[in-house]
Amino acid sequence: MTSPVHDVIKAVTSAFRKKFDDFKGVYLFGQFLDGKNHQGEDIELVAIFDVEDKSKRGEIWPIIGKIETEMDVCIDLYPYTMDDFKKDEELYSEVMEEGIFFDALGIMQDK
């Protein structure tokens, strides 16, 4: 996958990998799965960490804001631990059905 969406995923995974030792990767889901540009739509990502709390969210949002500004995109990010992600049954089901996982290096993984 080589597209503007992949560039965003590379930017997010690189920034998170540098900032957080416990970052595991991101799931891409929603409109942008086809790799095409969808004007007016958000790039939907679930970020997985070993620990996710208010303090970490306070560090995540400025990173996402900077990437959005620099790359002229809108990112809808859901930060989770894997256990908490599984508890959000509706979102977890949707992402597991259609989503693509990119590891902490931004490399797409097979299901």
N, C-alpha and C. Protein backbone atom coordinates (compact mmCIF):
# COMPACT_ATOMS: atom_id res chain seq x y z
N MET A 1 0.85 -1.18 0.00
CA MET A 1 0.00 0.00 0.00
C MET A 1 0.89 1.24 0.00
N THR A 2 0.93 1.95 -1.10
CA THR A 2 1.65 3.21 -1.17
C THR A 2 0.66 4.29 -1.57
N SER A 3 0.32 5.13 -0.62
CA SER A 3 -0.68 6.15 -0.84
C SER A 3 -0.53 7.22 0.24
N PRO A 4 -1.25 8.32 0.09
CA PRO A 4 -1.22 9.33 1.16
C PRO A 4 -1.62 8.75 2.52
N VAL A 5 -2.53 7.79 2.52
CA VAL A 5 -2.95 7.16 3.78
C VAL A 5 -1.76 6.42 4.39
N HIS A 6 -1.00 5.72 3.55
CA HIS A 6 0.17 5.00 4.05
C HIS A 6 1.19 5.99 4.62
N ASP A 7 1.34 7.16 3.99
CA ASP A 7 2.24 8.18 4.50
C ASP A 7 1.80 8.66 5.89
N VAL A 8 0.50 8.80 6.08
CA VAL A 8 -0.04 9.20 7.39
C VAL A 8 0.25 8.10 8.42
N ILE A 9 0.03 6.85 8.05
CA ILE A 9 0.29 5.74 8.97
C ILE A 9 1.78 5.70 9.33
N LYS A 10 2.64 5.90 8.36
CA LYS A 10 4.09 5.94 8.64
C LYS A 10 4.42 7.07 9.62
N ALA A 11 3.81 8.25 9.42
CA ALA A 11 4.07 9.39 10.30
C ALA A 11 3.58 9.11 11.72
N VAL A 12 2.39 8.54 11.84
CA VAL A 12 1.82 8.24 13.16
C VAL A 12 2.65 7.18 13.87
N THR A 13 2.95 6.08 13.17
CA THR A 13 3.70 4.99 13.82
C THR A 13 5.11 5.46 14.20
N SER A 14 5.74 6.25 13.36
CA SER A 14 7.07 6.75 13.68
C SER A 14 7.05 7.65 14.91
N ALA A 15 6.11 8.58 14.95
CA ALA A 15 6.00 9.50 16.09
C ALA A 15 5.67 8.75 17.38
N PHE A 16 4.73 7.82 17.31
CA PHE A 16 4.35 7.06 18.51
C PHE A 16 5.48 6.15 18.97
N ARG A 17 6.18 5.53 18.04
CA ARG A 17 7.29 4.63 18.38
C ARG A 17 8.38 5.41 19.12
N LYS A 18 8.65 6.63 18.69
CA LYS A 18 9.68 7.45 19.32
C LYS A 18 9.26 7.93 20.71
N LYS A 19 7.97 8.18 20.89
CA LYS A 19 7.47 8.77 22.14
C LYS A 19 7.08 7.73 23.19
N PHE A 20 6.56 6.59 22.75
CA PHE A 20 5.99 5.61 23.68
C PHE A 20 6.64 4.24 23.51
N ASP A 21 7.28 3.76 24.56
CA ASP A 21 7.93 2.44 24.53
C ASP A 21 6.93 1.30 24.40
N ASP A 22 5.69 1.55 24.80
CA ASP A 22 4.69 0.48 24.82
C ASP A 22 3.74 0.51 23.61
N PHE A 23 4.08 1.27 22.57
CA PHE A 23 3.24 1.35 21.37
C PHE A 23 3.39 0.07 20.55
N LYS A 24 2.26 -0.54 20.19
CA LYS A 24 2.27 -1.82 19.47
C LYS A 24 1.96 -1.69 17.99
N GLY A 25 1.17 -0.69 17.61
CA GLY A 25 0.80 -0.52 16.21
C GLY A 25 -0.58 0.09 16.08
N VAL A 26 -1.04 0.22 14.82
CA VAL A 26 -2.34 0.81 14.54
C VAL A 26 -3.14 -0.06 13.58
N TYR A 27 -4.44 -0.02 13.76
CA TYR A 27 -5.37 -0.61 12.80
C TYR A 27 -5.97 0.51 11.98
N LEU A 28 -5.96 0.35 10.67
CA LEU A 28 -6.65 1.25 9.76
C LEU A 28 -7.99 0.60 9.44
N PHE A 29 -9.06 1.39 9.52
CA PHE A 29 -10.38 0.89 9.15
C PHE A 29 -11.18 2.03 8.55
N GLY A 30 -12.34 1.70 7.99
CA GLY A 30 -13.21 2.73 7.44
C GLY A 30 -12.94 3.03 5.98
N GLN A 31 -13.33 4.22 5.55
CA GLN A 31 -13.31 4.66 4.15
C GLN A 31 -11.96 4.50 3.47
N PHE A 32 -10.88 4.74 4.19
CA PHE A 32 -9.56 4.82 3.57
C PHE A 32 -8.89 3.46 3.36
N LEU A 33 -9.59 2.39 3.64
CA LEU A 33 -9.01 1.06 3.42
C LEU A 33 -8.63 0.83 1.96
N ASP A 34 -9.31 1.52 1.05
CA ASP A 34 -9.01 1.34 -0.37
C ASP A 34 -7.78 2.12 -0.81
N GLY A 35 -7.18 2.90 0.12
CA GLY A 35 -5.97 3.65 -0.20
C GLY A 35 -6.20 4.92 -0.99
N LYS A 36 -7.45 5.20 -1.33
CA LYS A 36 -7.76 6.39 -2.12
C LYS A 36 -8.07 7.57 -1.21
N ASN A 37 -8.04 8.77 -1.79
CA ASN A 37 -8.36 9.98 -1.05
C ASN A 37 -9.88 10.14 -0.99
N HIS A 38 -10.40 10.42 0.18
CA HIS A 38 -11.83 10.63 0.36
C HIS A 38 -12.02 12.00 1.00
N GLN A 39 -12.24 13.02 0.17
CA GLN A 39 -12.41 14.38 0.65
C GLN A 39 -13.47 14.44 1.73
N GLY A 40 -13.14 15.13 2.82
CA GLY A 40 -14.11 15.34 3.89
C GLY A 40 -14.26 14.18 4.85
N GLU A 41 -13.52 13.11 4.63
CA GLU A 41 -13.60 11.95 5.52
C GLU A 41 -12.36 11.89 6.40
N ASP A 42 -12.51 11.35 7.61
CA ASP A 42 -11.38 11.16 8.52
C ASP A 42 -10.69 9.84 8.25
N ILE A 43 -9.39 9.82 8.46
CA ILE A 43 -8.63 8.56 8.45
C ILE A 43 -8.84 7.95 9.82
N GLU A 44 -9.45 6.77 9.86
CA GLU A 44 -9.81 6.14 11.13
C GLU A 44 -8.75 5.13 11.54
N LEU A 45 -8.19 5.36 12.74
CA LEU A 45 -7.13 4.51 13.27
C LEU A 45 -7.42 4.12 14.71
N VAL A 46 -7.08 2.88 15.06
CA VAL A 46 -7.06 2.44 16.44
C VAL A 46 -5.59 2.20 16.78
N ALA A 47 -5.09 2.91 17.79
CA ALA A 47 -3.70 2.75 18.23
C ALA A 47 -3.69 1.86 19.48
N ILE A 48 -2.78 0.88 19.48
CA ILE A 48 -2.70 -0.07 20.59
C ILE A 48 -1.44 0.19 21.42
N PHE A 49 -1.65 0.29 22.72
CA PHE A 49 -0.58 0.50 23.70
C PHE A 49 -0.72 -0.52 24.82
N ASP A 50 0.35 -0.76 25.55
CA ASP A 50 0.25 -1.60 26.75
C ASP A 50 -0.51 -0.87 27.85
N VAL A 51 -0.31 0.46 27.93
CA VAL A 51 -0.98 1.29 28.93
C VAL A 51 -1.62 2.46 28.19
N GLU A 52 -2.88 2.74 28.49
CA GLU A 52 -3.59 3.87 27.89
C GLU A 52 -4.33 4.57 29.01
N ASP A 53 -3.99 5.83 29.24
CA ASP A 53 -4.62 6.59 30.31
C ASP A 53 -4.68 8.07 29.94
N LYS A 54 -5.21 8.87 30.86
CA LYS A 54 -5.39 10.30 30.60
C LYS A 54 -4.06 10.99 30.31
N SER A 55 -3.03 10.63 31.02
CA SER A 55 -1.72 11.22 30.81
C SER A 55 -1.21 10.94 29.39
N LYS A 56 -1.36 9.71 28.94
CA LYS A 56 -0.90 9.36 27.60
C LYS A 56 -1.74 10.07 26.54
N ARG A 57 -3.04 10.15 26.75
CA ARG A 57 -3.89 10.86 25.79
C ARG A 57 -3.45 12.31 25.66
N GLY A 58 -3.03 12.91 26.76
CA GLY A 58 -2.53 14.28 26.73
C GLY A 58 -1.28 14.44 25.87
N GLU A 59 -0.51 13.37 25.74
CA GLU A 59 0.67 13.38 24.88
C GLU A 59 0.35 12.99 23.44
N ILE A 60 -0.69 12.20 23.25
CA ILE A 60 -1.07 11.71 21.92
C ILE A 60 -1.65 12.83 21.06
N TRP A 61 -2.57 13.60 21.62
CA TRP A 61 -3.32 14.56 20.79
C TRP A 61 -2.45 15.62 20.14
N PRO A 62 -1.43 16.17 20.81
CA PRO A 62 -0.57 17.13 20.09
C PRO A 62 0.19 16.49 18.92
N ILE A 63 0.56 15.22 19.06
CA ILE A 63 1.23 14.51 17.97
C ILE A 63 0.29 14.39 16.78
N ILE A 64 -0.94 13.96 17.05
CA ILE A 64 -1.93 13.81 15.98
C ILE A 64 -2.23 15.17 15.34
N GLY A 65 -2.39 16.20 16.16
CA GLY A 65 -2.66 17.54 15.63
C GLY A 65 -1.56 18.03 14.71
N LYS A 66 -0.32 17.77 15.07
CA LYS A 66 0.82 18.17 14.24
C LYS A 66 0.80 17.43 12.90
N ILE A 67 0.55 16.14 12.93
CA ILE A 67 0.48 15.35 11.69
C ILE A 67 -0.67 15.83 10.82
N GLU A 68 -1.83 16.08 11.43
CA GLU A 68 -2.98 16.57 10.67
C GLU A 68 -2.64 17.89 9.96
N THR A 69 -2.00 18.79 10.68
CA THR A 69 -1.64 20.08 10.11
C THR A 69 -0.62 19.94 9.01
N GLU A 70 0.44 19.19 9.27
CA GLU A 70 1.52 19.05 8.30
C GLU A 70 1.08 18.32 7.03
N MET A 71 0.17 17.34 7.18
CA MET A 71 -0.22 16.51 6.04
C MET A 71 -1.59 16.88 5.48
N ASP A 72 -2.23 17.89 6.08
CA ASP A 72 -3.55 18.36 5.63
C ASP A 72 -4.57 17.22 5.56
N VAL A 73 -4.69 16.50 6.69
CA VAL A 73 -5.64 15.40 6.81
C VAL A 73 -6.38 15.53 8.13
N CYS A 74 -7.44 14.76 8.27
CA CYS A 74 -8.14 14.62 9.55
C CYS A 74 -8.02 13.17 9.99
N ILE A 75 -7.58 12.98 11.22
CA ILE A 75 -7.38 11.64 11.77
C ILE A 75 -8.34 11.45 12.93
N ASP A 76 -9.08 10.37 12.88
CA ASP A 76 -9.95 9.97 13.98
C ASP A 76 -9.25 8.81 14.67
N LEU A 77 -8.59 9.09 15.80
CA LEU A 77 -7.76 8.11 16.48
C LEU A 77 -8.43 7.61 17.74
N TYR A 78 -8.40 6.30 17.92
CA TYR A 78 -8.92 5.65 19.13
C TYR A 78 -7.76 4.97 19.84
N PRO A 79 -7.23 5.55 20.91
CA PRO A 79 -6.15 4.89 21.65
C PRO A 79 -6.71 3.87 22.64
N TYR A 80 -6.15 2.67 22.64
CA TYR A 80 -6.63 1.58 23.49
C TYR A 80 -5.48 0.70 23.95
N THR A 81 -5.71 -0.01 25.04
CA THR A 81 -4.96 -1.23 25.31
C THR A 81 -5.72 -2.32 24.55
N MET A 82 -5.09 -3.44 24.28
CA MET A 82 -5.79 -4.50 23.55
C MET A 82 -6.98 -5.02 24.37
N ASP A 83 -6.82 -5.14 25.67
CA ASP A 83 -7.93 -5.62 26.51
C ASP A 83 -9.12 -4.66 26.44
N ASP A 84 -8.87 -3.36 26.54
CA ASP A 84 -9.96 -2.39 26.47
C ASP A 84 -10.57 -2.33 25.07
N PHE A 85 -9.74 -2.49 24.06
CA PHE A 85 -10.23 -2.52 22.68
C PHE A 85 -11.22 -3.67 22.49
N LYS A 86 -10.89 -4.83 23.01
CA LYS A 86 -11.78 -6.00 22.88
C LYS A 86 -13.10 -5.77 23.62
N LYS A 87 -13.07 -4.96 24.67
CA LYS A 87 -14.30 -4.68 25.44
C LYS A 87 -15.25 -3.75 24.68
N ASP A 88 -14.72 -2.97 23.74
CA ASP A 88 -15.55 -2.11 22.90
C ASP A 88 -16.02 -2.99 21.73
N GLU A 89 -16.99 -3.83 22.01
CA GLU A 89 -17.36 -4.93 21.11
C GLU A 89 -17.73 -4.48 19.71
N GLU A 90 -18.48 -3.39 19.60
CA GLU A 90 -18.92 -2.93 18.27
C GLU A 90 -17.73 -2.48 17.42
N LEU A 91 -16.89 -1.62 17.99
CA LEU A 91 -15.72 -1.15 17.25
C LEU A 91 -14.75 -2.30 16.97
N TYR A 92 -14.50 -3.12 17.97
CA TYR A 92 -13.57 -4.25 17.81
C TYR A 92 -14.03 -5.17 16.68
N SER A 93 -15.31 -5.48 16.66
CA SER A 93 -15.85 -6.35 15.62
C SER A 93 -15.66 -5.74 14.24
N GLU A 94 -15.97 -4.45 14.10
CA GLU A 94 -15.82 -3.77 12.82
C GLU A 94 -14.36 -3.78 12.36
N VAL A 95 -13.45 -3.44 13.25
CA VAL A 95 -12.04 -3.36 12.89
C VAL A 95 -11.48 -4.74 12.57
N MET A 96 -11.85 -5.74 13.34
CA MET A 96 -11.34 -7.10 13.09
C MET A 96 -11.89 -7.67 11.78
N GLU A 97 -13.08 -7.25 11.41
CA GLU A 97 -13.69 -7.75 10.18
C GLU A 97 -13.04 -7.13 8.94
N GLU A 98 -12.79 -5.82 8.98
CA GLU A 98 -12.34 -5.15 7.77
C GLU A 98 -10.98 -4.47 7.88
N GLY A 99 -10.48 -4.26 9.09
CA GLY A 99 -9.29 -3.45 9.30
C GLY A 99 -7.98 -4.11 8.89
N ILE A 100 -6.97 -3.27 8.77
CA ILE A 100 -5.62 -3.71 8.45
C ILE A 100 -4.71 -3.25 9.58
N PHE A 101 -3.87 -4.15 10.08
CA PHE A 101 -2.96 -3.82 11.18
C PHE A 101 -1.58 -3.46 10.63
N PHE A 102 -1.03 -2.35 11.15
CA PHE A 102 0.33 -1.92 10.85
C PHE A 102 1.11 -1.94 12.16
N ASP A 103 2.22 -2.64 12.20
CA ASP A 103 2.99 -2.73 13.43
C ASP A 103 3.63 -1.40 13.78
N ALA A 104 4.41 -1.37 14.86
CA ALA A 104 4.99 -0.12 15.35
C ALA A 104 5.97 0.50 14.35
N LEU A 105 6.43 -0.29 13.38
CA LEU A 105 7.30 0.23 12.32
C LEU A 105 6.52 0.72 11.12
N GLY A 106 5.19 0.59 11.17
CA GLY A 106 4.35 1.02 10.07
C GLY A 106 4.25 0.00 8.95
N ILE A 107 4.61 -1.25 9.26
CA ILE A 107 4.58 -2.32 8.26
C ILE A 107 3.26 -3.09 8.36
N MET A 108 2.58 -3.20 7.21
CA MET A 108 1.30 -3.90 7.19
C MET A 108 1.51 -5.38 7.52
N GLN A 109 0.64 -5.90 8.38
CA GLN A 109 0.73 -7.30 8.82
C GLN A 109 -0.44 -8.10 8.26
N ASP A 110 -0.18 -9.35 7.97
CA ASP A 110 -1.26 -10.25 7.52
C ASP A 110 -2.16 -10.57 8.70
N LYS A 111 -3.42 -10.84 8.38
CA LYS A 111 -4.37 -11.20 9.44
C LYS A 111 -4.12 -12.60 9.92
